[in-house]
């Protein structure tokens, strides 16, 4: 599920092509979008170790300890290699909450309770954004395209001049020489085509969290750890990668490249534009 359009994999803040940044690139790589082979292992291994050991031994304590150990190994390995630890550390924190709940309750299914609650929260936020006609995918994608993450990094470095990858710099006083990237968070709503694209993509995200809950909640209450753990793995990284690809299919070409006129300055579409596919 890797596609190329003859251009670079991405520009500016989306150049690494991981996670949500992948949907803003000119091409899409499923493997890179989900974090590469190492990222997938770090995301999957703790849950896999837990469910396999628990199903085989029925020993909750050993399964929990092994799961935490797998997550810790990922963090330590990244620290030793001096590579970014954000993804591995986030995984460790999530595993830690699940382990704590399962250990305190003595119920193995509570290892997955935190994930169910977070999925329900994400779904609620997404549905509210759709009801308000502010599809959350639009906010997320435009934040990435606008380089908001890079602006935050600049400020964390004390306001030093930095190239954010989109040609914008900060001067010695910390003032931007380019328009405020926060403007992109609202500017896209003036474009009906962008609103339609982002709304459709946001429904994909809603479907992701809804499917997870519809499948996993009954398994949680039934206490079937084998099937619950399997569903957790199948509906995790693979489904997230699929939703990212679907989002990319809908969003790609929405801005028409750097030379596309601003929404308010755009000329009426000619015959060539009318025949162009939406995505």
C-alpha atoms as a PDB file:
ATOM      1  CA  UNK A   1       0.000   0.000   0.000  1.00  0.00           C
ATOM      2  CA  UNK A   2       2.778   2.363  -0.976  1.00  0.00           C
ATOM      3  CA  UNK A   3       2.094   4.984  -3.599  1.00  0.00           C
ATOM      4  CA  UNK A   4       4.329   7.487  -5.361  1.00  0.00           C
ATOM      5  CA  UNK A   5       3.398  10.463  -7.422  1.00  0.00           C
ATOM      6  CA  UNK A   6       6.810  11.267  -8.831  1.00  0.00           C
ATOM      7  CA  UNK A   7       7.549  13.949  -6.219  1.00  0.00           C
ATOM      8  CA  UNK A   8       9.219  13.981  -2.879  1.00  0.00           C
ATOM      9  CA  UNK A   9       7.705  12.021  -0.072  1.00  0.00           C
ATOM     10  CA  UNK A  10       6.615  15.188   1.617  1.00  0.00           C
ATOM     11  CA  UNK A  11       7.508  18.748   2.289  1.00  0.00           C
ATOM     12  CA  UNK A  12       8.135  20.828   5.375  1.00  0.00           C
ATOM     13  CA  UNK A  13       6.868  19.415   8.625  1.00  0.00           C
ATOM     14  CA  UNK A  14       5.456  16.318   7.002  1.00  0.00           C
ATOM     15  CA  UNK A  15       8.754  15.177   5.568  1.00  0.00           C
ATOM     16  CA  UNK A  16       9.253  12.260   7.981  1.00  0.00           C
ATOM     17  CA  UNK A  17       5.942  10.681   6.872  1.00  0.00           C
ATOM     18  CA  UNK A  18       5.107   9.153  10.262  1.00  0.00           C
ATOM     19  CA  UNK A  19       1.690   9.089  11.877  1.00  0.00           C
ATOM     20  CA  UNK A  20      -0.627  11.912  10.902  1.00  0.00           C
ATOM     21  CA  UNK A  21       2.226  13.604   9.008  1.00  0.00           C
ATOM     22  CA  UNK A  22       1.972  10.803   6.458  1.00  0.00           C
ATOM     23  CA  UNK A  23      -1.349  12.111   5.140  1.00  0.00           C
ATOM     24  CA  UNK A  24       0.193  15.436   4.075  1.00  0.00           C
ATOM     25  CA  UNK A  25       2.901  13.916   1.886  1.00  0.00           C
ATOM     26  CA  UNK A  26       2.956  13.613  -1.880  1.00  0.00           C
ATOM     27  CA  UNK A  27       3.289   9.839  -1.505  1.00  0.00           C
ATOM     28  CA  UNK A  28       2.224   7.341   1.136  1.00  0.00           C
ATOM     29  CA  UNK A  29       4.177   4.491   2.686  1.00  0.00           C
ATOM     30  CA  UNK A  30       2.141   2.242   4.962  1.00  0.00           C
ATOM     31  CA  UNK A  31       5.245   1.026   6.784  1.00  0.00           C
ATOM     32  CA  UNK A  32       6.589   4.503   7.443  1.00  0.00           C
ATOM     33  CA  UNK A  33       3.174   5.847   8.434  1.00  0.00           C
ATOM     34  CA  UNK A  34       2.824   3.340  11.274  1.00  0.00           C
ATOM     35  CA  UNK A  35       6.345   4.035  12.527  1.00  0.00           C
ATOM     36  CA  UNK A  36       8.450   1.605  10.522  1.00  0.00           C
ATOM     37  CA  UNK A  37       9.309  -1.945  11.535  1.00  0.00           C
ATOM     38  CA  UNK A  38      10.754  -0.842  14.850  1.00  0.00           C
ATOM     39  CA  UNK A  39       7.762   1.315  15.690  1.00  0.00           C
ATOM     40  CA  UNK A  40       5.384  -1.548  14.937  1.00  0.00           C
ATOM     41  CA  UNK A  41       7.358  -3.916  17.172  1.00  0.00           C
ATOM     42  CA  UNK A  42       7.373  -1.391  20.004  1.00  0.00           C
ATOM     43  CA  UNK A  43       3.616  -0.896  19.672  1.00  0.00           C
ATOM     44  CA  UNK A  44       2.657  -4.554  19.333  1.00  0.00           C
ATOM     45  CA  UNK A  45       5.141  -6.505  21.474  1.00  0.00           C
ATOM     46  CA  UNK A  46       3.930  -5.616  25.018  1.00  0.00           C
ATOM     47  CA  UNK A  47       0.325  -6.532  24.217  1.00  0.00           C
ATOM     48  CA  UNK A  48       1.374  -9.655  22.351  1.00  0.00           C
ATOM     49  CA  UNK A  49       3.555 -10.822  25.235  1.00  0.00           C
ATOM     50  CA  UNK A  50       0.729 -10.214  27.709  1.00  0.00           C
ATOM     51  CA  UNK A  51      -1.970 -12.118  25.867  1.00  0.00           C
ATOM     52  CA  UNK A  52       0.270 -15.054  24.907  1.00  0.00           C
ATOM     53  CA  UNK A  53       1.639 -15.559  28.411  1.00  0.00           C
ATOM     54  CA  UNK A  54      -1.738 -15.154  30.084  1.00  0.00           C
ATOM     55  CA  UNK A  55      -3.507 -17.558  27.736  1.00  0.00           C
ATOM     56  CA  UNK A  56      -0.744 -20.161  28.183  1.00  0.00           C
ATOM     57  CA  UNK A  57      -0.170 -19.836  31.943  1.00  0.00           C
ATOM     58  CA  UNK A  58      -3.291 -18.065  33.336  1.00  0.00           C
ATOM     59  CA  UNK A  59      -0.820 -16.251  35.612  1.00  0.00           C
ATOM     60  CA  UNK A  60      -1.758 -12.578  35.601  1.00  0.00           C
ATOM     61  CA  UNK A  61       1.298 -11.370  37.526  1.00  0.00           C
ATOM     62  CA  UNK A  62       3.815 -12.949  35.173  1.00  0.00           C
ATOM     63  CA  UNK A  63       1.952 -11.697  32.118  1.00  0.00           C
ATOM     64  CA  UNK A  64       1.903  -8.143  33.495  1.00  0.00           C
ATOM     65  CA  UNK A  65       5.582  -8.198  34.452  1.00  0.00           C
ATOM     66  CA  UNK A  66       6.588  -9.526  31.040  1.00  0.00           C
ATOM     67  CA  UNK A  67       4.503  -6.876  29.283  1.00  0.00           C
ATOM     68  CA  UNK A  68       6.124  -4.051  31.244  1.00  0.00           C
ATOM     69  CA  UNK A  69       9.521  -5.620  30.614  1.00  0.00           C
ATOM     70  CA  UNK A  70       8.953  -5.606  26.861  1.00  0.00           C
ATOM     71  CA  UNK A  71       7.985  -1.928  26.936  1.00  0.00           C
ATOM     72  CA  UNK A  72      10.978  -1.059  29.123  1.00  0.00           C
ATOM     73  CA  UNK A  73      13.376  -2.818  26.751  1.00  0.00           C
ATOM     74  CA  UNK A  74      12.130  -0.615  23.912  1.00  0.00           C
ATOM     75  CA  UNK A  75      12.756   2.561  25.923  1.00  0.00           C
ATOM     76  CA  UNK A  76      16.180   1.459  27.160  1.00  0.00           C
ATOM     77  CA  UNK A  77      17.247   0.434  23.654  1.00  0.00           C
ATOM     78  CA  UNK A  78      16.352   3.865  22.298  1.00  0.00           C
ATOM     79  CA  UNK A  79      18.141   5.605  25.165  1.00  0.00           C
ATOM     80  CA  UNK A  80      21.254   3.520  24.565  1.00  0.00           C
ATOM     81  CA  UNK A  81      21.183   4.330  20.850  1.00  0.00           C
ATOM     82  CA  UNK A  82      20.332   7.989  21.533  1.00  0.00           C
ATOM     83  CA  UNK A  83      17.310   7.872  19.263  1.00  0.00           C
ATOM     84  CA  UNK A  84      13.969   9.649  19.967  1.00  0.00           C
ATOM     85  CA  UNK A  85      12.061   7.892  22.737  1.00  0.00           C
ATOM     86  CA  UNK A  86       8.678   9.595  22.348  1.00  0.00           C
ATOM     87  CA  UNK A  87       6.840   6.637  20.816  1.00  0.00           C
ATOM     88  CA  UNK A  88       8.435   4.032  23.092  1.00  0.00           C
ATOM     89  CA  UNK A  89       7.874   6.157  26.203  1.00  0.00           C
ATOM     90  CA  UNK A  90       4.252   6.790  25.241  1.00  0.00           C
ATOM     91  CA  UNK A  91       3.760   3.048  24.826  1.00  0.00           C
ATOM     92  CA  UNK A  92       5.331   2.404  28.238  1.00  0.00           C
ATOM     93  CA  UNK A  93       3.020   4.899  29.924  1.00  0.00           C
ATOM     94  CA  UNK A  94      -0.055   3.369  28.281  1.00  0.00           C
ATOM     95  CA  UNK A  95       1.037  -0.136  29.244  1.00  0.00           C
ATOM     96  CA  UNK A  96       1.762   1.082  32.768  1.00  0.00           C
ATOM     97  CA  UNK A  97      -1.795   2.318  33.265  1.00  0.00           C
ATOM     98  CA  UNK A  98      -3.253  -0.944  31.975  1.00  0.00           C
ATOM     99  CA  UNK A  99      -0.922  -2.993  34.156  1.00  0.00           C
ATOM    100  CA  UNK A 100      -1.842  -0.955  37.246  1.00  0.00           C
ATOM    101  CA  UNK A 101      -5.579  -1.381  36.681  1.00  0.00           C
ATOM    102  CA  UNK A 102      -5.261  -5.108  36.032  1.00  0.00           C
ATOM    103  CA  UNK A 103      -2.998  -5.641  39.047  1.00  0.00           C
ATOM    104  CA  UNK A 104      -5.211  -3.668  41.439  1.00  0.00           C
ATOM    105  CA  UNK A 105      -8.401  -5.380  40.296  1.00  0.00           C
ATOM    106  CA  UNK A 106      -6.965  -8.847  39.729  1.00  0.00           C
ATOM    107  CA  UNK A 107      -8.905  -8.970  36.447  1.00  0.00           C
ATOM    108  CA  UNK A 108      -6.872  -9.566  33.298  1.00  0.00           C
ATOM    109  CA  UNK A 109      -9.360  -7.757  31.041  1.00  0.00           C
ATOM    110  CA  UNK A 110      -8.611  -4.494  32.869  1.00  0.00           C
ATOM    111  CA  UNK A 111      -5.246  -4.517  31.100  1.00  0.00           C
ATOM    112  CA  UNK A 112      -7.272  -3.196  28.138  1.00  0.00           C
ATOM    113  CA  UNK A 113      -9.617  -0.885  30.067  1.00  0.00           C
ATOM    114  CA  UNK A 114      -7.507   2.247  29.580  1.00  0.00           C
ATOM    115  CA  UNK A 115      -7.511   1.705  25.818  1.00  0.00           C
ATOM    116  CA  UNK A 116     -11.292   1.387  25.780  1.00  0.00           C
ATOM    117  CA  UNK A 117     -11.720   4.615  27.714  1.00  0.00           C
ATOM    118  CA  UNK A 118      -9.317   6.539  25.466  1.00  0.00           C
ATOM    119  CA  UNK A 119     -11.004   5.214  22.321  1.00  0.00           C
ATOM    120  CA  UNK A 120     -14.393   6.293  23.691  1.00  0.00           C
ATOM    121  CA  UNK A 121     -13.003   9.762  24.457  1.00  0.00           C
ATOM    122  CA  UNK A 122     -11.516  10.118  20.961  1.00  0.00           C
ATOM    123  CA  UNK A 123     -14.786   9.014  19.380  1.00  0.00           C
ATOM    124  CA  UNK A 124     -16.753  11.529  21.442  1.00  0.00           C
ATOM    125  CA  UNK A 125     -14.438  14.393  20.450  1.00  0.00           C
ATOM    126  CA  UNK A 126     -14.615  13.408  16.773  1.00  0.00           C
ATOM    127  CA  UNK A 127     -18.414  13.193  16.767  1.00  0.00           C
ATOM    128  CA  UNK A 128     -18.690  16.577  18.478  1.00  0.00           C
ATOM    129  CA  UNK A 129     -16.359  18.086  15.862  1.00  0.00           C
ATOM    130  CA  UNK A 130     -18.560  16.681  13.096  1.00  0.00           C
ATOM    131  CA  UNK A 131     -21.718  17.958  14.735  1.00  0.00           C
ATOM    132  CA  UNK A 132     -20.161  21.434  14.985  1.00  0.00           C
ATOM    133  CA  UNK A 133     -18.942  21.211  11.372  1.00  0.00           C
ATOM    134  CA  UNK A 134     -15.346  21.580  12.489  1.00  0.00           C
ATOM    135  CA  UNK A 135     -14.044  18.133  11.426  1.00  0.00           C
ATOM    136  CA  UNK A 136     -11.101  17.343  13.638  1.00  0.00           C
ATOM    137  CA  UNK A 137      -9.008  15.908  10.791  1.00  0.00           C
ATOM    138  CA  UNK A 138      -8.986  19.366   9.229  1.00  0.00           C
ATOM    139  CA  UNK A 139      -7.574  20.874  12.403  1.00  0.00           C
ATOM    140  CA  UNK A 140      -4.954  18.150  12.753  1.00  0.00           C
ATOM    141  CA  UNK A 141      -3.815  18.127   9.122  1.00  0.00           C
ATOM    142  CA  UNK A 142      -3.673  21.905   8.834  1.00  0.00           C
ATOM    143  CA  UNK A 143      -1.732  22.099  12.104  1.00  0.00           C
ATOM    144  CA  UNK A 144       0.844  19.720  10.612  1.00  0.00           C
ATOM    145  CA  UNK A 145       0.935  21.562   7.290  1.00  0.00           C
ATOM    146  CA  UNK A 146       1.270  24.888   9.083  1.00  0.00           C
ATOM    147  CA  UNK A 147       4.290  23.700  11.072  1.00  0.00           C
ATOM    148  CA  UNK A 148       2.774  24.262  14.513  1.00  0.00           C
ATOM    149  CA  UNK A 149       4.847  21.439  15.968  1.00  0.00           C
ATOM    150  CA  UNK A 150       8.001  23.101  14.640  1.00  0.00           C
ATOM    151  CA  UNK A 151       6.953  26.458  16.078  1.00  0.00           C
ATOM    152  CA  UNK A 152       6.584  24.807  19.487  1.00  0.00           C
ATOM    153  CA  UNK A 153      10.043  23.279  19.119  1.00  0.00           C
ATOM    154  CA  UNK A 154      11.490  26.699  18.251  1.00  0.00           C
ATOM    155  CA  UNK A 155      10.016  28.188  21.397  1.00  0.00           C
ATOM    156  CA  UNK A 156      11.329  25.281  23.464  1.00  0.00           C
ATOM    157  CA  UNK A 157      14.803  26.142  22.168  1.00  0.00           C
ATOM    158  CA  UNK A 158      14.432  29.632  23.574  1.00  0.00           C
ATOM    159  CA  UNK A 159      13.298  31.458  20.451  1.00  0.00           C
ATOM    160  CA  UNK A 160      16.486  30.876  18.470  1.00  0.00           C
ATOM    161  CA  UNK A 161      16.262  31.391  14.699  1.00  0.00           C
ATOM    162  CA  UNK A 162      15.156  28.185  13.028  1.00  0.00           C
ATOM    163  CA  UNK A 163      14.236  26.938   9.617  1.00  0.00           C
ATOM    164  CA  UNK A 164      10.897  25.137   9.972  1.00  0.00           C
ATOM    165  CA  UNK A 165      11.191  23.448   6.608  1.00  0.00           C
ATOM    166  CA  UNK A 166       8.610  25.651   4.898  1.00  0.00           C
ATOM    167  CA  UNK A 167      10.867  28.633   4.267  1.00  0.00           C
ATOM    168  CA  UNK A 168       9.736  30.470   7.407  1.00  0.00           C
ATOM    169  CA  UNK A 169      12.240  31.659  10.002  1.00  0.00           C
ATOM    170  CA  UNK A 170      12.225  33.401  13.326  1.00  0.00           C
ATOM    171  CA  UNK A 171      14.252  36.530  13.813  1.00  0.00           C
ATOM    172  CA  UNK A 172      16.528  37.075  16.850  1.00  0.00           C
ATOM    173  CA  UNK A 173      13.647  38.628  18.776  1.00  0.00           C
ATOM    174  CA  UNK A 174      11.555  35.495  18.261  1.00  0.00           C
ATOM    175  CA  UNK A 175       9.091  37.157  15.891  1.00  0.00           C
ATOM    176  CA  UNK A 176       7.882  35.239  12.860  1.00  0.00           C
ATOM    177  CA  UNK A 177       8.764  36.626   9.452  1.00  0.00           C
ATOM    178  CA  UNK A 178       5.952  34.537   7.892  1.00  0.00           C
ATOM    179  CA  UNK A 179       2.208  34.661   8.618  1.00  0.00           C
ATOM    180  CA  UNK A 180       1.081  33.110  11.872  1.00  0.00           C
ATOM    181  CA  UNK A 181       0.598  29.357  11.220  1.00  0.00           C
ATOM    182  CA  UNK A 182      -2.433  29.436  13.529  1.00  0.00           C
ATOM    183  CA  UNK A 183      -4.282  31.148  10.689  1.00  0.00           C
ATOM    184  CA  UNK A 184      -4.315  27.846   8.797  1.00  0.00           C
ATOM    185  CA  UNK A 185      -6.500  26.320  11.519  1.00  0.00           C
ATOM    186  CA  UNK A 186      -9.422  28.450  10.354  1.00  0.00           C
ATOM    187  CA  UNK A 187      -8.542  29.430   6.780  1.00  0.00           C
ATOM    188  CA  UNK A 188      -9.408  26.012   5.335  1.00  0.00           C
ATOM    189  CA  UNK A 189     -13.039  26.386   6.408  1.00  0.00           C
ATOM    190  CA  UNK A 190     -13.488  29.018   3.683  1.00  0.00           C
ATOM    191  CA  UNK A 191     -12.909  26.313   1.077  1.00  0.00           C
ATOM    192  CA  UNK A 192     -15.971  24.028   0.618  1.00  0.00           C
ATOM    193  CA  UNK A 193     -13.826  21.388  -1.101  1.00  0.00           C
ATOM    194  CA  UNK A 194     -11.451  21.176   1.875  1.00  0.00           C
ATOM    195  CA  UNK A 195     -14.365  21.030   4.299  1.00  0.00           C
ATOM    196  CA  UNK A 196     -15.890  18.114   2.364  1.00  0.00           C
ATOM    197  CA  UNK A 197     -12.593  16.244   2.242  1.00  0.00           C
ATOM    198  CA  UNK A 198     -11.838  16.728   5.912  1.00  0.00           C
ATOM    199  CA  UNK A 199     -15.369  15.774   6.904  1.00  0.00           C
ATOM    200  CA  UNK A 200     -15.139  12.490   4.992  1.00  0.00           C
ATOM    201  CA  UNK A 201     -11.721  11.754   6.465  1.00  0.00           C
ATOM    202  CA  UNK A 202     -13.024  12.502   9.957  1.00  0.00           C
ATOM    203  CA  UNK A 203     -15.783   9.925   9.453  1.00  0.00           C
ATOM    204  CA  UNK A 204     -13.033   7.387   8.710  1.00  0.00           C
ATOM    205  CA  UNK A 205     -11.462   8.223  12.062  1.00  0.00           C
ATOM    206  CA  UNK A 206     -14.822   7.946  13.789  1.00  0.00           C
ATOM    207  CA  UNK A 207     -15.249   4.520  12.203  1.00  0.00           C
ATOM    208  CA  UNK A 208     -11.849   3.440  13.518  1.00  0.00           C
ATOM    209  CA  UNK A 209     -12.727   4.120  17.143  1.00  0.00           C
ATOM    210  CA  UNK A 210     -16.311   2.909  16.789  1.00  0.00           C
ATOM    211  CA  UNK A 211     -15.210  -0.452  15.345  1.00  0.00           C
ATOM    212  CA  UNK A 212     -12.693  -0.914  18.133  1.00  0.00           C
ATOM    213  CA  UNK A 213     -15.337  -0.289  20.766  1.00  0.00           C
ATOM    214  CA  UNK A 214     -18.011  -2.423  19.082  1.00  0.00           C
ATOM    215  CA  UNK A 215     -15.649  -5.393  18.887  1.00  0.00           C
ATOM    216  CA  UNK A 216     -13.694  -5.065  22.117  1.00  0.00           C
ATOM    217  CA  UNK A 217     -16.277  -3.928  24.672  1.00  0.00           C
ATOM    218  CA  UNK A 218     -18.350  -7.171  24.457  1.00  0.00           C
ATOM    219  CA  UNK A 219     -15.127  -9.202  24.704  1.00  0.00           C
ATOM    220  CA  UNK A 220     -14.067  -7.134  27.715  1.00  0.00           C
ATOM    221  CA  UNK A 221     -17.277  -7.867  29.590  1.00  0.00           C
ATOM    222  CA  UNK A 222     -17.191 -11.537  28.614  1.00  0.00           C
ATOM    223  CA  UNK A 223     -13.662 -11.838  30.018  1.00  0.00           C
ATOM    224  CA  UNK A 224     -12.387 -13.698  26.953  1.00  0.00           C
ATOM    225  CA  UNK A 225      -8.774 -12.535  27.164  1.00  0.00           C
ATOM    226  CA  UNK A 226      -7.569 -14.550  24.177  1.00  0.00           C
ATOM    227  CA  UNK A 227     -10.011 -12.977  21.744  1.00  0.00           C
ATOM    228  CA  UNK A 228      -9.824  -9.573  23.420  1.00  0.00           C
ATOM    229  CA  UNK A 229      -6.044  -9.546  23.086  1.00  0.00           C
ATOM    230  CA  UNK A 230      -6.260 -10.677  19.477  1.00  0.00           C
ATOM    231  CA  UNK A 231      -8.791  -7.969  18.633  1.00  0.00           C
ATOM    232  CA  UNK A 232      -6.595  -5.406  20.377  1.00  0.00           C
ATOM    233  CA  UNK A 233      -3.664  -6.323  18.126  1.00  0.00           C
ATOM    234  CA  UNK A 234      -5.623  -6.590  14.855  1.00  0.00           C
ATOM    235  CA  UNK A 235      -7.566  -3.365  15.426  1.00  0.00           C
ATOM    236  CA  UNK A 236      -4.461  -1.484  16.550  1.00  0.00           C
ATOM    237  CA  UNK A 237      -1.588  -0.738  14.169  1.00  0.00           C
ATOM    238  CA  UNK A 238      -3.070  -2.414  11.030  1.00  0.00           C
ATOM    239  CA  UNK A 239      -6.401  -0.567  11.257  1.00  0.00           C
ATOM    240  CA  UNK A 240      -4.705   2.721  12.129  1.00  0.00           C
ATOM    241  CA  UNK A 241      -2.475   2.379   9.078  1.00  0.00           C
ATOM    242  CA  UNK A 242      -5.506   1.687   6.874  1.00  0.00           C
ATOM    243  CA  UNK A 243      -7.302   4.786   8.188  1.00  0.00           C
ATOM    244  CA  UNK A 244      -4.199   6.909   7.591  1.00  0.00           C
ATOM    245  CA  UNK A 245      -4.062   5.663   4.001  1.00  0.00           C
ATOM    246  CA  UNK A 246      -7.766   6.391   3.453  1.00  0.00           C
ATOM    247  CA  UNK A 247      -7.231   9.854   4.909  1.00  0.00           C
ATOM    248  CA  UNK A 248      -4.286  10.417   2.567  1.00  0.00           C
ATOM    249  CA  UNK A 249      -6.375   9.315  -0.435  1.00  0.00           C
ATOM    250  CA  UNK A 250      -9.053  11.880   0.467  1.00  0.00           C
ATOM    251  CA  UNK A 251      -6.720  14.718   1.482  1.00  0.00           C
ATOM    252  CA  UNK A 252      -3.964  14.457  -1.155  1.00  0.00           C
ATOM    253  CA  UNK A 253      -4.033  17.192  -3.748  1.00  0.00           C
ATOM    254  CA  UNK A 254      -6.481  19.227  -1.701  1.00  0.00           C
ATOM    255  CA  UNK A 255      -4.168  22.226  -1.704  1.00  0.00           C
ATOM    256  CA  UNK A 256      -3.016  21.716  -5.291  1.00  0.00           C
ATOM    257  CA  UNK A 257       0.648  22.438  -4.568  1.00  0.00           C
ATOM    258  CA  UNK A 258       2.422  25.592  -3.488  1.00  0.00           C
ATOM    259  CA  UNK A 259       1.163  27.594  -6.476  1.00  0.00           C
ATOM    260  CA  UNK A 260      -2.515  27.074  -5.709  1.00  0.00           C
ATOM    261  CA  UNK A 261      -4.189  30.490  -5.200  1.00  0.00           C
ATOM    262  CA  UNK A 262      -5.497  31.376  -1.770  1.00  0.00           C
ATOM    263  CA  UNK A 263      -9.159  30.559  -1.203  1.00  0.00           C
ATOM    264  CA  UNK A 264     -10.313  34.125  -1.456  1.00  0.00           C
ATOM    265  CA  UNK A 265      -8.148  34.812  -4.552  1.00  0.00           C
ATOM    266  CA  UNK A 266      -8.864  31.621  -6.487  1.00  0.00           C
ATOM    267  CA  UNK A 267     -10.072  32.033 -10.055  1.00  0.00           C
ATOM    268  CA  UNK A 268     -13.197  30.203 -11.230  1.00  0.00           C
ATOM    269  CA  UNK A 269     -12.498  26.585 -12.183  1.00  0.00           C
ATOM    270  CA  UNK A 270     -11.953  25.981 -15.889  1.00  0.00           C
ATOM    271  CA  UNK A 271     -12.784  22.833 -17.813  1.00  0.00           C
ATOM    272  CA  UNK A 272      -9.537  21.132 -16.765  1.00  0.00           C
ATOM    273  CA  UNK A 273     -10.231  21.779 -13.094  1.00  0.00           C
ATOM    274  CA  UNK A 274     -13.810  20.543 -13.395  1.00  0.00           C
ATOM    275  CA  UNK A 275     -12.650  17.221 -14.780  1.00  0.00           C
ATOM    276  CA  UNK A 276     -10.020  16.644 -12.085  1.00  0.00           C
ATOM    277  CA  UNK A 277     -10.901  13.904  -9.559  1.00  0.00           C
ATOM    278  CA  UNK A 278     -11.517  15.109  -6.037  1.00  0.00           C
ATOM    279  CA  UNK A 279      -8.997  12.781  -4.490  1.00  0.00           C
END
